């Protein structure tokens, strides 16, 4: 490893119910209870699962409450051109 390279983070492995589990270090946690899993060469890639759309009004309201609690949606400002004047001779 070169002088300025940062060592990769390490995780503990343990056996649980016949499978192998990974204890992720702080800063690598995922939200939710499951992740997508795939192999790429010798690497095993963990990725967050896509967020399922809310199915009920209560789930929708909970989603908006979470967004509001986090400071709201962060949409960039748009430079919207003015509406065009149209002359319809009907």
PDB file of N, CA and C in Angstrom:
ATOM      1  N   UNK A   1       0.851  -1.168   0.000  1.00  0.00           N
ATOM      2  CA  UNK A   1       0.000   0.000   0.000  1.00  0.00           C
ATOM      3  C   UNK A   1       0.897   1.232   0.000  1.00  0.00           C
ATOM      4  N   UNK A   2       0.568   2.216  -0.841  1.00  0.00           N
ATOM      5  CA  UNK A   2       1.370   3.426  -0.949  1.00  0.00           C
ATOM      6  C   UNK A   2       1.257   4.304   0.282  1.00  0.00           C
ATOM      7  N   UNK A   3       2.061   5.355   0.291  1.00  0.00           N
ATOM      8  CA  UNK A   3       2.151   6.244   1.445  1.00  0.00           C
ATOM      9  C   UNK A   3       0.821   6.914   1.799  1.00  0.00           C
ATOM     10  N   UNK A   4       0.027   7.277   0.793  1.00  0.00           N
ATOM     11  CA  UNK A   4      -1.196   8.037   1.050  1.00  0.00           C
ATOM     12  C   UNK A   4      -2.479   7.222   0.870  1.00  0.00           C
ATOM     13  N   UNK A   5      -2.356   5.919   0.668  1.00  0.00           N
ATOM     14  CA  UNK A   5      -3.547   5.094   0.515  1.00  0.00           C
ATOM     15  C   UNK A   5      -4.151   4.790   1.882  1.00  0.00           C
ATOM     16  N   UNK A   6      -5.453   4.768   1.930  1.00  0.00           N
ATOM     17  CA  UNK A   6      -6.158   4.458   3.174  1.00  0.00           C
ATOM     18  C   UNK A   6      -6.505   2.972   3.159  1.00  0.00           C
ATOM     19  N   UNK A   7      -6.226   2.302   4.249  1.00  0.00           N
ATOM     20  CA  UNK A   7      -6.532   0.876   4.341  1.00  0.00           C
ATOM     21  C   UNK A   7      -8.041   0.668   4.269  1.00  0.00           C
ATOM     22  N   UNK A   8      -8.482  -0.378   3.563  1.00  0.00           N
ATOM     23  CA  UNK A   8      -9.924  -0.632   3.507  1.00  0.00           C
ATOM     24  C   UNK A   8     -10.465  -0.987   4.882  1.00  0.00           C
ATOM     25  N   UNK A   9     -11.715  -0.660   5.100  1.00  0.00           N
ATOM     26  CA  UNK A   9     -12.366  -1.013   6.367  1.00  0.00           C
ATOM     27  C   UNK A   9     -12.481  -2.529   6.456  1.00  0.00           C
ATOM     28  N   UNK A  10     -12.529  -3.035   7.672  1.00  0.00           N
ATOM     29  CA  UNK A  10     -12.657  -4.477   7.891  1.00  0.00           C
ATOM     30  C   UNK A  10     -13.962  -4.770   8.610  1.00  0.00           C
ATOM     31  N   UNK A  11     -14.478  -5.961   8.373  1.00  0.00           N
ATOM     32  CA  UNK A  11     -15.708  -6.402   9.030  1.00  0.00           C
ATOM     33  C   UNK A  11     -15.485  -7.797   9.598  1.00  0.00           C
ATOM     34  N   UNK A  12     -16.166  -8.094  10.678  1.00  0.00           N
ATOM     35  CA  UNK A  12     -16.093  -9.412  11.311  1.00  0.00           C
ATOM     36  C   UNK A  12     -17.075 -10.368  10.637  1.00  0.00           C
ATOM     37  N   UNK A  13     -16.657 -11.615  10.468  1.00  0.00           N
ATOM     38  CA  UNK A  13     -17.506 -12.673   9.935  1.00  0.00           C
ATOM     39  C   UNK A  13     -17.857 -13.633  11.059  1.00  0.00           C
ATOM     40  N   UNK A  14     -19.089 -14.141  11.042  1.00  0.00           N
ATOM     41  CA  UNK A  14     -19.459 -15.167  12.003  1.00  0.00           C
ATOM     42  C   UNK A  14     -20.537 -16.049  11.397  1.00  0.00           C
ATOM     43  N   UNK A  15     -20.654 -17.262  11.923  1.00  0.00           N
ATOM     44  CA  UNK A  15     -21.639 -18.218  11.443  1.00  0.00           C
ATOM     45  C   UNK A  15     -22.903 -18.083  12.279  1.00  0.00           C
ATOM     46  N   UNK A  16     -24.032 -18.072  11.572  1.00  0.00           N
ATOM     47  CA  UNK A  16     -25.317 -17.914  12.253  1.00  0.00           C
ATOM     48  C   UNK A  16     -26.355 -18.745  11.513  1.00  0.00           C
ATOM     49  N   UNK A  17     -26.947 -19.721  12.198  1.00  0.00           N
ATOM     50  CA  UNK A  17     -28.011 -20.561  11.627  1.00  0.00           C
ATOM     51  C   UNK A  17     -27.603 -21.198  10.295  1.00  0.00           C
ATOM     52  N   UNK A  18     -26.404 -21.687  10.226  1.00  0.00           N
ATOM     53  CA  UNK A  18     -25.947 -22.383   9.027  1.00  0.00           C
ATOM     54  C   UNK A  18     -25.471 -21.474   7.912  1.00  0.00           C
ATOM     55  N   UNK A  19     -25.579 -20.174   8.070  1.00  0.00           N
ATOM     56  CA  UNK A  19     -25.096 -19.233   7.070  1.00  0.00           C
ATOM     57  C   UNK A  19     -23.984 -18.388   7.654  1.00  0.00           C
ATOM     58  N   UNK A  20     -23.384 -17.588   6.832  1.00  0.00           N
ATOM     59  CA  UNK A  20     -22.328 -16.699   7.297  1.00  0.00           C
ATOM     60  C   UNK A  20     -22.868 -15.275   7.326  1.00  0.00           C
ATOM     61  N   UNK A  21     -22.569 -14.549   8.388  1.00  0.00           N
ATOM     62  CA  UNK A  21     -23.035 -13.174   8.546  1.00  0.00           C
ATOM     63  C   UNK A  21     -21.838 -12.240   8.619  1.00  0.00           C
ATOM     64  N   UNK A  22     -22.057 -11.006   8.246  1.00  0.00           N
ATOM     65  CA  UNK A  22     -21.023  -9.975   8.286  1.00  0.00           C
ATOM     66  C   UNK A  22     -21.480  -8.893   9.244  1.00  0.00           C
ATOM     67  N   UNK A  23     -20.639  -8.553  10.190  1.00  0.00           N
ATOM     68  CA  UNK A  23     -20.937  -7.446  11.103  1.00  0.00           C
ATOM     69  C   UNK A  23     -20.275  -6.204  10.523  1.00  0.00           C
ATOM     70  N   UNK A  24     -21.084  -5.313   9.955  1.00  0.00           N
ATOM     71  CA  UNK A  24     -20.553  -4.117   9.299  1.00  0.00           C
ATOM     72  C   UNK A  24     -20.118  -3.091  10.329  1.00  0.00           C
ATOM     73  N   UNK A  25     -18.986  -2.434  10.090  1.00  0.00           N
ATOM     74  CA  UNK A  25     -18.542  -1.401  11.025  1.00  0.00           C
ATOM     75  C   UNK A  25     -19.422  -0.154  10.926  1.00  0.00           C
ATOM     76  N   UNK A  26     -19.311   0.691  11.924  1.00  0.00           N
ATOM     77  CA  UNK A  26     -20.060   1.946  11.955  1.00  0.00           C
ATOM     78  C   UNK A  26     -19.764   2.733  10.681  1.00  0.00           C
ATOM     79  N   UNK A  27     -20.777   3.335  10.120  1.00  0.00           N
ATOM     80  CA  UNK A  27     -20.614   4.100   8.891  1.00  0.00           C
ATOM     81  C   UNK A  27     -20.929   3.294   7.637  1.00  0.00           C
ATOM     82  N   UNK A  28     -21.107   1.976   7.780  1.00  0.00           N
ATOM     83  CA  UNK A  28     -21.428   1.128   6.638  1.00  0.00           C
ATOM     84  C   UNK A  28     -22.823   0.522   6.754  1.00  0.00           C
ATOM     85  N   UNK A  29     -23.592   0.947   7.723  1.00  0.00           N
ATOM     86  CA  UNK A  29     -24.910   0.363   7.971  1.00  0.00           C
ATOM     87  C   UNK A  29     -25.880   0.687   6.840  1.00  0.00           C
ATOM     88  N   UNK A  30     -26.802  -0.226   6.613  1.00  0.00           N
ATOM     89  CA  UNK A  30     -27.868  -0.051   5.636  1.00  0.00           C
ATOM     90  C   UNK A  30     -29.164   0.228   6.377  1.00  0.00           C
ATOM     91  N   UNK A  31     -30.082   0.927   5.726  1.00  0.00           N
ATOM     92  CA  UNK A  31     -31.425   1.075   6.266  1.00  0.00           C
ATOM     93  C   UNK A  31     -32.224  -0.148   5.850  1.00  0.00           C
ATOM     94  N   UNK A  32     -33.212  -0.495   6.627  1.00  0.00           N
ATOM     95  CA  UNK A  32     -34.057  -1.628   6.286  1.00  0.00           C
ATOM     96  C   UNK A  32     -33.530  -2.921   6.869  1.00  0.00           C
ATOM     97  N   UNK A  33     -34.152  -4.025   6.482  1.00  0.00           N
ATOM     98  CA  UNK A  33     -33.823  -5.335   7.042  1.00  0.00           C
ATOM     99  C   UNK A  33     -33.123  -6.248   6.045  1.00  0.00           C
ATOM    100  N   UNK A  34     -33.074  -5.868   4.765  1.00  0.00           N
ATOM    101  CA  UNK A  34     -32.457  -6.705   3.743  1.00  0.00           C
ATOM    102  C   UNK A  34     -31.649  -5.854   2.776  1.00  0.00           C
ATOM    103  N   UNK A  35     -30.687  -6.504   2.104  1.00  0.00           N
ATOM    104  CA  UNK A  35     -29.896  -5.867   1.054  1.00  0.00           C
ATOM    105  C   UNK A  35     -29.859  -6.795  -0.154  1.00  0.00           C
ATOM    106  N   UNK A  36     -29.575  -6.235  -1.317  1.00  0.00           N
ATOM    107  CA  UNK A  36     -29.346  -7.044  -2.512  1.00  0.00           C
ATOM    108  C   UNK A  36     -27.906  -7.541  -2.459  1.00  0.00           C
ATOM    109  N   UNK A  37     -27.676  -8.733  -2.961  1.00  0.00           N
ATOM    110  CA  UNK A  37     -26.382  -9.383  -2.859  1.00  0.00           C
ATOM    111  C   UNK A  37     -26.002  -9.929  -4.225  1.00  0.00           C
ATOM    112  N   UNK A  38     -24.742  -9.684  -4.660  1.00  0.00           N
ATOM    113  CA  UNK A  38     -24.268 -10.238  -5.932  1.00  0.00           C
ATOM    114  C   UNK A  38     -22.758 -10.418  -5.874  1.00  0.00           C
ATOM    115  N   UNK A  39     -22.257 -11.274  -6.745  1.00  0.00           N
ATOM    116  CA  UNK A  39     -20.813 -11.487  -6.854  1.00  0.00           C
ATOM    117  C   UNK A  39     -20.279 -10.739  -8.064  1.00  0.00           C
ATOM    118  N   UNK A  40     -19.072 -10.210  -7.916  1.00  0.00           N
ATOM    119  CA  UNK A  40     -18.367  -9.579  -9.027  1.00  0.00           C
ATOM    120  C   UNK A  40     -16.913 -10.025  -8.901  1.00  0.00           C
ATOM    121  N   UNK A  41     -16.541 -11.045  -9.668  1.00  0.00           N
ATOM    122  CA  UNK A  41     -15.218 -11.641  -9.505  1.00  0.00           C
ATOM    123  C   UNK A  41     -15.131 -12.293  -8.135  1.00  0.00           C
ATOM    124  N   UNK A  42     -14.092 -11.959  -7.369  1.00  0.00           N
ATOM    125  CA  UNK A  42     -13.943 -12.481  -6.011  1.00  0.00           C
ATOM    126  C   UNK A  42     -14.689 -11.644  -4.982  1.00  0.00           C
ATOM    127  N   UNK A  43     -15.232 -10.511  -5.394  1.00  0.00           N
ATOM    128  CA  UNK A  43     -15.902  -9.602  -4.458  1.00  0.00           C
ATOM    129  C   UNK A  43     -17.376  -9.975  -4.298  1.00  0.00           C
ATOM    130  N   UNK A  44     -17.879  -9.741  -3.118  1.00  0.00           N
ATOM    131  CA  UNK A  44     -19.313  -9.862  -2.839  1.00  0.00           C
ATOM    132  C   UNK A  44     -19.817  -8.446  -2.607  1.00  0.00           C
ATOM    133  N   UNK A  45     -20.788  -8.022  -3.394  1.00  0.00           N
ATOM    134  CA  UNK A  45     -21.305  -6.655  -3.351  1.00  0.00           C
ATOM    135  C   UNK A  45     -22.652  -6.647  -2.630  1.00  0.00           C
ATOM    136  N   UNK A  46     -22.767  -5.797  -1.620  1.00  0.00           N
ATOM    137  CA  UNK A  46     -24.033  -5.574  -0.920  1.00  0.00           C
ATOM    138  C   UNK A  46     -24.571  -4.223  -1.363  1.00  0.00           C
ATOM    139  N   UNK A  47     -25.835  -4.175  -1.748  1.00  0.00           N
ATOM    140  CA  UNK A  47     -26.444  -2.921  -2.196  1.00  0.00           C
ATOM    141  C   UNK A  47     -27.816  -2.767  -1.552  1.00  0.00           C
ATOM    142  N   UNK A  48     -28.217  -1.521  -1.279  1.00  0.00           N
ATOM    143  CA  UNK A  48     -29.558  -1.328  -0.719  1.00  0.00           C
ATOM    144  C   UNK A  48     -30.616  -1.769  -1.724  1.00  0.00           C
ATOM    145  N   UNK A  49     -31.685  -2.325  -1.212  1.00  0.00           N
ATOM    146  CA  UNK A  49     -32.806  -2.695  -2.072  1.00  0.00           C
ATOM    147  C   UNK A  49     -33.567  -1.438  -2.468  1.00  0.00           C
ATOM    148  N   UNK A  50     -34.168  -1.438  -3.651  1.00  0.00           N
ATOM    149  CA  UNK A  50     -34.974  -0.279  -4.030  1.00  0.00           C
ATOM    150  C   UNK A  50     -36.106  -0.072  -3.030  1.00  0.00           C
ATOM    151  N   UNK A  51     -36.421   1.166  -2.782  1.00  0.00           N
ATOM    152  CA  UNK A  51     -37.498   1.496  -1.848  1.00  0.00           C
ATOM    153  C   UNK A  51     -38.829   1.155  -2.504  1.00  0.00           C
ATOM    154  N   UNK A  52     -39.643   0.401  -1.787  1.00  0.00           N
ATOM    155  CA  UNK A  52     -40.968   0.046  -2.300  1.00  0.00           C
ATOM    156  C   UNK A  52     -41.896   1.243  -2.131  1.00  0.00           C
ATOM    157  N   UNK A  53     -42.732   1.512  -3.124  1.00  0.00           N
ATOM    158  CA  UNK A  53     -43.663   2.634  -2.985  1.00  0.00           C
ATOM    159  C   UNK A  53     -44.686   2.346  -1.891  1.00  0.00           C
ATOM    160  N   UNK A  54     -45.154   3.391  -1.228  1.00  0.00           N
ATOM    161  CA  UNK A  54     -46.159   3.185  -0.182  1.00  0.00           C
ATOM    162  C   UNK A  54     -47.431   2.586  -0.777  1.00  0.00           C
ATOM    163  N   UNK A  55     -48.063   1.684  -0.019  1.00  0.00           N
ATOM    164  CA  UNK A  55     -49.275   1.009  -0.498  1.00  0.00           C
ATOM    165  C   UNK A  55     -50.544   1.540   0.146  1.00  0.00           C
ATOM    166  N   UNK A  56     -50.405   2.146   1.308  1.00  0.00           N
ATOM    167  CA  UNK A  56     -51.591   2.642   2.005  1.00  0.00           C
ATOM    168  C   UNK A  56     -51.413   4.126   2.293  1.00  0.00           C
ATOM    169  N   UNK A  57     -52.500   4.767   2.653  1.00  0.00           N
ATOM    170  CA  UNK A  57     -52.435   6.185   3.013  1.00  0.00           C
ATOM    171  C   UNK A  57     -51.518   6.389   4.216  1.00  0.00           C
ATOM    172  N   UNK A  58     -51.574   5.473   5.191  1.00  0.00           N
ATOM    173  CA  UNK A  58     -50.731   5.581   6.385  1.00  0.00           C
ATOM    174  C   UNK A  58     -49.247   5.492   6.011  1.00  0.00           C
ATOM    175  N   UNK A  59     -48.897   4.574   5.083  1.00  0.00           N
ATOM    176  CA  UNK A  59     -47.504   4.462   4.640  1.00  0.00           C
ATOM    177  C   UNK A  59     -47.069   5.731   3.907  1.00  0.00           C
ATOM    178  N   UNK A  60     -47.965   6.292   3.099  1.00  0.00           N
ATOM    179  CA  UNK A  60     -47.656   7.520   2.371  1.00  0.00           C
ATOM    180  C   UNK A  60     -47.430   8.679   3.337  1.00  0.00           C
ATOM    181  N   UNK A  61     -48.293   8.811   4.333  1.00  0.00           N
ATOM    182  CA  UNK A  61     -48.137   9.877   5.322  1.00  0.00           C
ATOM    183  C   UNK A  61     -46.858   9.689   6.132  1.00  0.00           C
ATOM    184  N   UNK A  62     -46.510   8.435   6.455  1.00  0.00           N
ATOM    185  CA  UNK A  62     -45.266   8.159   7.185  1.00  0.00           C
ATOM    186  C   UNK A  62     -44.053   8.531   6.338  1.00  0.00           C
ATOM    187  N   UNK A  63     -44.116   8.258   5.025  1.00  0.00           N
ATOM    188  CA  UNK A  63     -43.018   8.614   4.130  1.00  0.00           C
ATOM    189  C   UNK A  63     -42.825  10.131   4.104  1.00  0.00           C
ATOM    190  N   UNK A  64     -43.914  10.887   3.962  1.00  0.00           N
ATOM    191  CA  UNK A  64     -43.805  12.346   3.938  1.00  0.00           C
ATOM    192  C   UNK A  64     -43.321  12.885   5.278  1.00  0.00           C
ATOM    193  N   UNK A  65     -43.732  12.270   6.375  1.00  0.00           N
ATOM    194  CA  UNK A  65     -43.268  12.694   7.700  1.00  0.00           C
ATOM    195  C   UNK A  65     -41.758  12.502   7.824  1.00  0.00           C
ATOM    196  N   UNK A  66     -41.235  11.367   7.300  1.00  0.00           N
ATOM    197  CA  UNK A  66     -39.779  11.135   7.324  1.00  0.00           C
ATOM    198  C   UNK A  66     -39.048  12.180   6.489  1.00  0.00           C
ATOM    199  N   UNK A  67     -39.590  12.488   5.305  1.00  0.00           N
ATOM    200  CA  UNK A  67     -38.963  13.493   4.437  1.00  0.00           C
ATOM    201  C   UNK A  67     -38.946  14.843   5.136  1.00  0.00           C
ATOM    202  N   UNK A  68     -40.066  15.235   5.744  1.00  0.00           N
ATOM    203  CA  UNK A  68     -40.134  16.509   6.463  1.00  0.00           C
ATOM    204  C   UNK A  68     -39.174  16.531   7.642  1.00  0.00           C
ATOM    205  N   UNK A  69     -39.056  15.411   8.365  1.00  0.00           N
ATOM    206  CA  UNK A  69     -38.168  15.343   9.532  1.00  0.00           C
ATOM    207  C   UNK A  69     -36.706  15.490   9.129  1.00  0.00           C
ATOM    208  N   UNK A  70     -36.378  15.072   7.901  1.00  0.00           N
ATOM    209  CA  UNK A  70     -34.999  15.169   7.414  1.00  0.00           C
ATOM    210  C   UNK A  70     -34.723  16.510   6.746  1.00  0.00           C
ATOM    211  N   UNK A  71     -35.655  17.423   6.805  1.00  0.00           N
ATOM    212  CA  UNK A  71     -35.432  18.743   6.225  1.00  0.00           C
ATOM    213  C   UNK A  71     -36.119  18.948   4.893  1.00  0.00           C
ATOM    214  N   UNK A  72     -36.961  18.039   4.489  1.00  0.00           N
ATOM    215  CA  UNK A  72     -37.694  18.184   3.243  1.00  0.00           C
ATOM    216  C   UNK A  72     -36.910  17.664   2.056  1.00  0.00           C
ATOM    217  N   UNK A  73     -37.580  17.598   0.939  1.00  0.00           N
ATOM    218  CA  UNK A  73     -36.937  17.140  -0.292  1.00  0.00           C
ATOM    219  C   UNK A  73     -35.976  18.214  -0.785  1.00  0.00           C
ATOM    220  N   UNK A  74     -34.864  17.789  -1.317  1.00  0.00           N
ATOM    221  CA  UNK A  74     -33.838  18.716  -1.788  1.00  0.00           C
ATOM    222  C   UNK A  74     -33.882  18.784  -3.312  1.00  0.00           C
ATOM    223  N   UNK A  75     -34.810  19.568  -3.826  1.00  0.00           N
ATOM    224  CA  UNK A  75     -34.923  19.726  -5.263  1.00  0.00           C
ATOM    225  C   UNK A  75     -34.179  20.987  -5.685  1.00  0.00           C
ATOM    226  N   UNK A  76     -33.375  20.916  -6.745  1.00  0.00           N
ATOM    227  CA  UNK A  76     -32.658  22.116  -7.193  1.00  0.00           C
ATOM    228  C   UNK A  76     -33.632  23.136  -7.781  1.00  0.00           C
ATOM    229  N   UNK A  77     -33.269  24.417  -7.678  1.00  0.00           N
ATOM    230  CA  UNK A  77     -34.081  25.465  -8.274  1.00  0.00           C
ATOM    231  C   UNK A  77     -34.012  25.345  -9.792  1.00  0.00           C
ATOM    232  N   UNK A  78     -35.124  25.652 -10.442  1.00  0.00           N
ATOM    233  CA  UNK A  78     -35.167  25.602 -11.903  1.00  0.00           C
ATOM    234  C   UNK A  78     -35.328  27.011 -12.444  1.00  0.00           C
ATOM    235  N   UNK A  79     -34.711  27.271 -13.574  1.00  0.00           N
ATOM    236  CA  UNK A  79     -34.889  28.535 -14.271  1.00  0.00           C
ATOM    237  C   UNK A  79     -35.994  28.300 -15.298  1.00  0.00           C
ATOM    238  N   UNK A  80     -37.226  28.544 -14.873  1.00  0.00           N
ATOM    239  CA  UNK A  80     -38.384  28.254 -15.701  1.00  0.00           C
ATOM    240  C   UNK A  80     -38.669  29.435 -16.626  1.00  0.00           C
ATOM    241  N   UNK A  81     -38.700  29.219 -17.944  1.00  0.00           N
ATOM    242  CA  UNK A  81     -39.035  30.323 -18.849  1.00  0.00           C
ATOM    243  C   UNK A  81     -40.497  30.717 -18.672  1.00  0.00           C
ATOM    244  N   UNK A  82     -40.848  31.957 -19.028  1.00  0.00           N
ATOM    245  CA  UNK A  82     -42.243  32.387 -18.880  1.00  0.00           C
ATOM    246  C   UNK A  82     -43.158  31.602 -19.827  1.00  0.00           C
ATOM    247  N   UNK A  83     -44.430  31.536 -19.458  1.00  0.00           N
ATOM    248  CA  UNK A  83     -45.413  30.856 -20.304  1.00  0.00           C
ATOM    249  C   UNK A  83     -45.518  31.579 -21.638  1.00  0.00           C
ATOM    250  N   UNK A  84     -45.688  30.810 -22.690  1.00  0.00           N
ATOM    251  CA  UNK A  84     -45.830  31.404 -24.016  1.00  0.00           C
ATOM    252  C   UNK A  84     -47.267  31.872 -24.214  1.00  0.00           C
ATOM    253  N   UNK A  85     -47.395  33.033 -24.846  1.00  0.00           N
ATOM    254  CA  UNK A  85     -48.720  33.530 -25.207  1.00  0.00           C
ATOM    255  C   UNK A  85     -49.147  32.837 -26.494  1.00  0.00           C
ATOM    256  N   UNK A  86     -50.335  32.291 -26.510  1.00  0.00           N
ATOM    257  CA  UNK A  86     -50.843  31.608 -27.701  1.00  0.00           C
ATOM    258  C   UNK A  86     -52.156  32.273 -28.114  1.00  0.00           C
ATOM    259  N   UNK A  87     -52.327  32.426 -29.402  1.00  0.00           N
ATOM    260  CA  UNK A  87     -53.553  33.020 -29.928  1.00  0.00           C
ATOM    261  C   UNK A  87     -54.286  31.954 -30.728  1.00  0.00           C
ATOM    262  N   UNK A  88     -55.378  31.473 -30.164  1.00  0.00           N
ATOM    263  CA  UNK A  88     -56.169  30.464 -30.845  1.00  0.00           C
ATOM    264  C   UNK A  88     -57.393  31.148 -31.440  1.00  0.00           C
ATOM    265  N   UNK A  89     -57.546  31.051 -32.731  1.00  0.00           N
ATOM    266  CA  UNK A  89     -58.713  31.625 -33.409  1.00  0.00           C
ATOM    267  C   UNK A  89     -59.760  30.532 -33.589  1.00  0.00           C
ATOM    268  N   UNK A  90     -60.509  30.285 -32.563  1.00  0.00           N
ATOM    269  CA  UNK A  90     -61.520  29.239 -32.620  1.00  0.00           C
ATOM    270  C   UNK A  90     -62.815  29.830 -32.908  1.00  0.00           C
TER     271      UNK A  90
END
